[in-house]
Amino acid sequence: MFRISKEFHFSASHQLAHLPADHQCARLHGHNYIVVVELAGADLNSDGFVRDYHELKPLKSYIDDHFDHRHLNDLLNVPSTAENLAKHFYDWCKSRWDEVSMVKVSETPKTWAEYRP
């Protein structure tokens, strides 16, 4: 199996108000998010790619236009956790590229969530 990944960045705020008041994520705060999308395939196309990285540019535009410097609570119909963001970006990507196998969302260099079916 061949696998490729591409990384995207955005900054956004969120608040997980359903948590106890003394939980740090219950307060309004922000992160510099990193989104990694992975595509996989058993075979390569005629150019020798799983998919040309250039074809992933729409994800950058989507993130820049809809998520960068926004308040995530206003954008999602579920709690704005890294887990839910990973699933959201996975679904968005999967609707465009069949080869998508995983999306990882990092809130900090030491914390991340992955979604893979």
N, C-alpha and C. Protein backbone atom coordinates (compact mmCIF):
# COMPACT_ATOMS: atom_id res chain seq x y z
N MET A 1 0.85 -1.18 0.00
CA MET A 1 0.00 0.00 0.00
C MET A 1 0.90 1.24 0.00
N PHE A 2 0.60 2.16 -0.89
CA PHE A 2 1.29 3.44 -0.94
C PHE A 2 0.50 4.44 -0.11
N ARG A 3 1.20 5.31 0.62
CA ARG A 3 0.55 6.34 1.43
C ARG A 3 1.26 7.67 1.21
N ILE A 4 0.47 8.72 1.06
CA ILE A 4 1.03 10.08 1.02
C ILE A 4 0.27 10.92 2.04
N SER A 5 0.91 11.98 2.51
CA SER A 5 0.28 12.90 3.46
C SER A 5 0.62 14.33 3.08
N LYS A 6 -0.28 15.21 3.43
CA LYS A 6 -0.04 16.64 3.26
C LYS A 6 -0.57 17.35 4.49
N GLU A 7 0.15 18.38 4.91
CA GLU A 7 -0.15 19.11 6.14
C GLU A 7 -0.68 20.50 5.82
N PHE A 8 -1.68 20.91 6.60
CA PHE A 8 -2.30 22.23 6.46
C PHE A 8 -2.38 22.87 7.84
N HIS A 9 -2.34 24.21 7.91
CA HIS A 9 -2.33 24.92 9.17
C HIS A 9 -3.45 25.96 9.21
N PHE A 10 -4.00 26.15 10.41
CA PHE A 10 -4.93 27.26 10.62
C PHE A 10 -4.97 27.58 12.12
N SER A 11 -5.40 28.78 12.42
CA SER A 11 -5.57 29.22 13.80
C SER A 11 -7.04 29.51 14.04
N ALA A 12 -7.53 29.08 15.20
CA ALA A 12 -8.94 29.28 15.50
C ALA A 12 -9.16 29.20 17.01
N SER A 13 -10.29 29.73 17.43
CA SER A 13 -10.68 29.65 18.84
C SER A 13 -11.81 28.64 18.98
N HIS A 14 -11.97 28.18 20.21
CA HIS A 14 -13.12 27.34 20.54
C HIS A 14 -13.30 27.32 22.05
N GLN A 15 -14.43 26.75 22.45
CA GLN A 15 -14.75 26.63 23.86
C GLN A 15 -15.63 25.40 24.01
N LEU A 16 -15.27 24.55 24.95
CA LEU A 16 -16.05 23.34 25.19
C LEU A 16 -16.87 23.56 26.46
N ALA A 17 -17.97 24.27 26.29
CA ALA A 17 -18.77 24.75 27.42
C ALA A 17 -19.44 23.62 28.20
N HIS A 18 -19.53 22.43 27.63
CA HIS A 18 -20.18 21.32 28.33
C HIS A 18 -19.28 20.70 29.40
N LEU A 19 -18.02 21.14 29.48
CA LEU A 19 -17.08 20.62 30.47
C LEU A 19 -17.22 21.37 31.79
N PRO A 20 -16.73 20.78 32.88
CA PRO A 20 -16.79 21.50 34.17
C PRO A 20 -16.08 22.85 34.07
N ALA A 21 -16.54 23.82 34.81
CA ALA A 21 -16.03 25.20 34.73
C ALA A 21 -14.54 25.29 35.02
N ASP A 22 -14.00 24.37 35.83
CA ASP A 22 -12.58 24.43 36.15
C ASP A 22 -11.70 23.73 35.11
N HIS A 23 -12.29 23.15 34.09
CA HIS A 23 -11.52 22.51 33.01
C HIS A 23 -11.00 23.60 32.08
N GLN A 24 -9.73 23.54 31.73
CA GLN A 24 -9.14 24.60 30.90
C GLN A 24 -9.83 24.75 29.55
N CYS A 25 -10.38 23.69 29.01
CA CYS A 25 -11.04 23.78 27.70
C CYS A 25 -12.45 24.35 27.79
N ALA A 26 -12.95 24.53 29.01
CA ALA A 26 -14.26 25.16 29.19
C ALA A 26 -14.19 26.67 28.95
N ARG A 27 -12.98 27.21 29.04
CA ARG A 27 -12.79 28.64 28.80
C ARG A 27 -12.51 28.88 27.32
N LEU A 28 -12.87 30.05 26.85
CA LEU A 28 -12.56 30.45 25.48
C LEU A 28 -11.04 30.48 25.31
N HIS A 29 -10.55 29.79 24.29
CA HIS A 29 -9.11 29.75 24.02
C HIS A 29 -8.89 29.40 22.56
N GLY A 30 -7.66 29.43 22.13
CA GLY A 30 -7.36 29.14 20.73
C GLY A 30 -6.20 28.20 20.57
N HIS A 31 -6.07 27.70 19.35
CA HIS A 31 -4.98 26.79 18.99
C HIS A 31 -4.47 27.15 17.60
N ASN A 32 -3.25 26.77 17.35
CA ASN A 32 -2.69 26.77 16.01
C ASN A 32 -2.78 25.32 15.53
N TYR A 33 -3.83 25.03 14.81
CA TYR A 33 -4.14 23.67 14.41
C TYR A 33 -3.27 23.22 13.24
N ILE A 34 -3.00 21.94 13.23
CA ILE A 34 -2.35 21.29 12.09
C ILE A 34 -3.27 20.16 11.65
N VAL A 35 -3.60 20.15 10.37
CA VAL A 35 -4.42 19.10 9.78
C VAL A 35 -3.54 18.32 8.82
N VAL A 36 -3.49 17.02 9.02
CA VAL A 36 -2.75 16.14 8.11
C VAL A 36 -3.75 15.22 7.44
N VAL A 37 -3.76 15.24 6.12
CA VAL A 37 -4.62 14.34 5.37
C VAL A 37 -3.73 13.28 4.73
N GLU A 38 -4.16 12.03 4.86
CA GLU A 38 -3.41 10.90 4.29
C GLU A 38 -4.26 10.24 3.21
N LEU A 39 -3.63 9.93 2.10
CA LEU A 39 -4.27 9.20 1.02
C LEU A 39 -3.50 7.91 0.81
N ALA A 40 -4.21 6.85 0.46
CA ALA A 40 -3.57 5.56 0.30
C ALA A 40 -4.13 4.85 -0.93
N GLY A 41 -3.28 4.06 -1.55
CA GLY A 41 -3.71 3.27 -2.69
C GLY A 41 -2.77 2.10 -2.92
N ALA A 42 -3.32 1.02 -3.39
CA ALA A 42 -2.51 -0.16 -3.70
C ALA A 42 -1.73 0.06 -4.99
N ASP A 43 -2.25 0.92 -5.84
CA ASP A 43 -1.61 1.17 -7.14
C ASP A 43 -1.36 2.66 -7.31
N LEU A 44 -0.43 2.97 -8.18
CA LEU A 44 -0.14 4.36 -8.52
C LEU A 44 -0.79 4.70 -9.86
N ASN A 45 -1.10 5.98 -10.07
CA ASN A 45 -1.66 6.38 -11.36
C ASN A 45 -0.56 6.40 -12.42
N SER A 46 -0.90 6.78 -13.61
CA SER A 46 0.07 6.74 -14.72
C SER A 46 1.23 7.71 -14.53
N ASP A 47 1.07 8.71 -13.65
CA ASP A 47 2.15 9.65 -13.35
C ASP A 47 3.03 9.16 -12.21
N GLY A 48 2.68 8.01 -11.60
CA GLY A 48 3.45 7.47 -10.49
C GLY A 48 3.04 8.00 -9.14
N PHE A 49 1.82 8.55 -9.02
CA PHE A 49 1.32 9.12 -7.78
C PHE A 49 0.15 8.31 -7.24
N VAL A 50 -0.03 8.35 -5.92
CA VAL A 50 -1.33 7.99 -5.35
C VAL A 50 -2.32 9.04 -5.82
N ARG A 51 -1.93 10.30 -5.63
CA ARG A 51 -2.64 11.48 -6.15
C ARG A 51 -1.62 12.61 -6.12
N ASP A 52 -1.65 13.47 -7.09
CA ASP A 52 -0.74 14.61 -7.14
C ASP A 52 -1.07 15.54 -5.97
N TYR A 53 -0.04 15.90 -5.18
CA TYR A 53 -0.25 16.80 -4.05
C TYR A 53 -0.96 18.09 -4.46
N HIS A 54 -0.70 18.55 -5.65
CA HIS A 54 -1.32 19.79 -6.14
C HIS A 54 -2.85 19.68 -6.15
N GLU A 55 -3.35 18.48 -6.33
CA GLU A 55 -4.81 18.28 -6.37
C GLU A 55 -5.45 18.47 -5.00
N LEU A 56 -4.65 18.56 -3.93
CA LEU A 56 -5.20 18.76 -2.59
C LEU A 56 -5.36 20.24 -2.24
N LYS A 57 -5.03 21.09 -3.18
CA LYS A 57 -5.13 22.54 -2.95
C LYS A 57 -6.54 22.98 -2.51
N PRO A 58 -7.62 22.37 -3.00
CA PRO A 58 -8.94 22.78 -2.52
C PRO A 58 -9.12 22.65 -1.00
N LEU A 59 -8.42 21.70 -0.38
CA LEU A 59 -8.52 21.60 1.08
C LEU A 59 -7.90 22.83 1.73
N LYS A 60 -6.78 23.29 1.23
CA LYS A 60 -6.16 24.51 1.76
C LYS A 60 -7.13 25.68 1.62
N SER A 61 -7.75 25.81 0.48
CA SER A 61 -8.71 26.91 0.27
C SER A 61 -9.89 26.79 1.23
N TYR A 62 -10.40 25.58 1.40
CA TYR A 62 -11.53 25.35 2.30
C TYR A 62 -11.15 25.74 3.73
N ILE A 63 -10.00 25.30 4.19
CA ILE A 63 -9.55 25.63 5.55
C ILE A 63 -9.34 27.13 5.69
N ASP A 64 -8.64 27.73 4.73
CA ASP A 64 -8.38 29.18 4.80
C ASP A 64 -9.67 29.99 4.79
N ASP A 65 -10.60 29.62 3.94
CA ASP A 65 -11.83 30.39 3.76
C ASP A 65 -12.84 30.20 4.89
N HIS A 66 -12.87 28.99 5.49
CA HIS A 66 -13.94 28.68 6.44
C HIS A 66 -13.50 28.48 7.88
N PHE A 67 -12.22 28.21 8.12
CA PHE A 67 -11.78 27.87 9.48
C PHE A 67 -10.71 28.80 10.05
N ASP A 68 -9.84 29.34 9.21
CA ASP A 68 -8.73 30.13 9.72
C ASP A 68 -9.23 31.41 10.39
N HIS A 69 -8.77 31.63 11.60
CA HIS A 69 -9.12 32.80 12.41
C HIS A 69 -10.64 32.93 12.60
N ARG A 70 -11.25 31.80 12.87
CA ARG A 70 -12.68 31.75 13.15
C ARG A 70 -12.90 31.13 14.53
N HIS A 71 -14.14 31.21 14.99
CA HIS A 71 -14.54 30.56 16.25
C HIS A 71 -15.23 29.25 15.87
N LEU A 72 -14.60 28.14 16.20
CA LEU A 72 -15.08 26.84 15.73
C LEU A 72 -16.48 26.50 16.23
N ASN A 73 -16.87 27.00 17.38
CA ASN A 73 -18.21 26.73 17.89
C ASN A 73 -19.29 27.24 16.94
N ASP A 74 -18.96 28.26 16.16
CA ASP A 74 -19.91 28.82 15.20
C ASP A 74 -19.98 28.01 13.91
N LEU A 75 -19.05 27.07 13.72
CA LEU A 75 -18.92 26.38 12.44
C LEU A 75 -19.39 24.93 12.46
N LEU A 76 -19.36 24.31 13.61
CA LEU A 76 -19.66 22.89 13.70
C LEU A 76 -20.96 22.67 14.47
N ASN A 77 -21.69 21.60 14.11
CA ASN A 77 -22.92 21.25 14.81
C ASN A 77 -22.68 20.26 15.94
N VAL A 78 -21.41 20.00 16.22
CA VAL A 78 -20.98 19.09 17.28
C VAL A 78 -19.93 19.83 18.11
N PRO A 79 -19.59 19.33 19.30
CA PRO A 79 -18.54 20.00 20.07
C PRO A 79 -17.25 20.13 19.24
N SER A 80 -16.58 21.25 19.39
CA SER A 80 -15.42 21.57 18.54
C SER A 80 -14.14 20.92 19.08
N THR A 81 -14.19 19.60 19.23
CA THR A 81 -13.03 18.83 19.68
C THR A 81 -12.16 18.47 18.48
N ALA A 82 -10.92 18.11 18.76
CA ALA A 82 -10.03 17.65 17.69
C ALA A 82 -10.60 16.42 17.01
N GLU A 83 -11.24 15.56 17.78
CA GLU A 83 -11.85 14.35 17.21
C GLU A 83 -12.93 14.70 16.19
N ASN A 84 -13.81 15.63 16.55
CA ASN A 84 -14.87 16.03 15.63
C ASN A 84 -14.34 16.79 14.43
N LEU A 85 -13.29 17.58 14.63
CA LEU A 85 -12.66 18.25 13.48
C LEU A 85 -12.05 17.23 12.53
N ALA A 86 -11.39 16.22 13.06
CA ALA A 86 -10.78 15.19 12.21
C ALA A 86 -11.85 14.50 11.37
N LYS A 87 -12.98 14.16 11.99
CA LYS A 87 -14.07 13.52 11.25
C LYS A 87 -14.64 14.47 10.21
N HIS A 88 -14.81 15.73 10.57
CA HIS A 88 -15.35 16.72 9.63
C HIS A 88 -14.45 16.83 8.39
N PHE A 89 -13.15 17.01 8.61
CA PHE A 89 -12.23 17.13 7.48
C PHE A 89 -12.12 15.83 6.69
N TYR A 90 -12.20 14.70 7.36
CA TYR A 90 -12.19 13.42 6.66
C TYR A 90 -13.38 13.35 5.70
N ASP A 91 -14.57 13.63 6.21
CA ASP A 91 -15.78 13.57 5.37
C ASP A 91 -15.68 14.53 4.19
N TRP A 92 -15.18 15.74 4.44
CA TRP A 92 -15.03 16.72 3.36
C TRP A 92 -14.08 16.18 2.30
N CYS A 93 -12.97 15.64 2.73
CA CYS A 93 -11.97 15.11 1.78
C CYS A 93 -12.48 13.88 1.06
N LYS A 94 -13.12 12.98 1.78
CA LYS A 94 -13.59 11.72 1.20
C LYS A 94 -14.62 11.97 0.10
N SER A 95 -15.38 13.04 0.23
CA SER A 95 -16.37 13.36 -0.79
C SER A 95 -15.71 13.83 -2.09
N ARG A 96 -14.41 14.11 -2.04
CA ARG A 96 -13.67 14.60 -3.21
C ARG A 96 -12.62 13.61 -3.72
N TRP A 97 -12.03 12.87 -2.79
CA TRP A 97 -10.92 11.98 -3.15
C TRP A 97 -11.12 10.62 -2.49
N ASP A 98 -11.38 9.61 -3.30
CA ASP A 98 -11.62 8.27 -2.77
C ASP A 98 -10.45 7.71 -1.98
N GLU A 99 -9.24 8.17 -2.27
CA GLU A 99 -8.04 7.60 -1.66
C GLU A 99 -7.81 8.05 -0.21
N VAL A 100 -8.62 8.98 0.29
CA VAL A 100 -8.41 9.47 1.66
C VAL A 100 -8.58 8.32 2.64
N SER A 101 -7.56 8.13 3.49
CA SER A 101 -7.59 7.03 4.44
C SER A 101 -7.56 7.50 5.89
N MET A 102 -7.15 8.74 6.14
CA MET A 102 -7.03 9.22 7.51
C MET A 102 -6.88 10.73 7.51
N VAL A 103 -7.42 11.35 8.56
CA VAL A 103 -7.16 12.77 8.82
C VAL A 103 -6.77 12.88 10.29
N LYS A 104 -5.72 13.63 10.53
CA LYS A 104 -5.21 13.89 11.89
C LYS A 104 -5.29 15.40 12.14
N VAL A 105 -5.77 15.76 13.31
CA VAL A 105 -5.85 17.16 13.70
C VAL A 105 -5.08 17.33 15.01
N SER A 106 -4.07 18.19 14.98
CA SER A 106 -3.27 18.49 16.17
C SER A 106 -3.68 19.85 16.71
N GLU A 107 -3.91 19.89 18.02
CA GLU A 107 -4.17 21.17 18.68
C GLU A 107 -2.87 21.77 19.21
N THR A 108 -1.97 20.93 19.61
CA THR A 108 -0.66 21.34 20.12
C THR A 108 0.36 20.34 19.58
N PRO A 109 1.65 20.62 19.72
CA PRO A 109 2.65 19.64 19.26
C PRO A 109 2.56 18.29 19.98
N LYS A 110 1.89 18.26 21.13
CA LYS A 110 1.82 17.01 21.90
C LYS A 110 0.44 16.37 21.93
N THR A 111 -0.56 17.00 21.29
CA THR A 111 -1.91 16.44 21.34
C THR A 111 -2.52 16.40 19.94
N TRP A 112 -3.15 15.29 19.61
CA TRP A 112 -3.82 15.18 18.32
C TRP A 112 -4.87 14.09 18.38
N ALA A 113 -5.74 14.15 17.40
CA ALA A 113 -6.78 13.13 17.22
C ALA A 113 -6.75 12.71 15.76
N GLU A 114 -7.06 11.46 15.53
CA GLU A 114 -7.12 10.93 14.16
C GLU A 114 -8.50 10.37 13.90
N TYR A 115 -8.94 10.48 12.66
CA TYR A 115 -10.12 9.75 12.23
C TYR A 115 -9.74 8.93 11.02
N ARG A 116 -10.00 7.63 11.13
CA ARG A 116 -9.86 6.71 10.00
C ARG A 116 -10.96 5.66 10.16
N PRO A 117 -11.69 5.41 9.10
CA PRO A 117 -12.79 4.43 9.23
C PRO A 117 -12.27 3.00 9.40
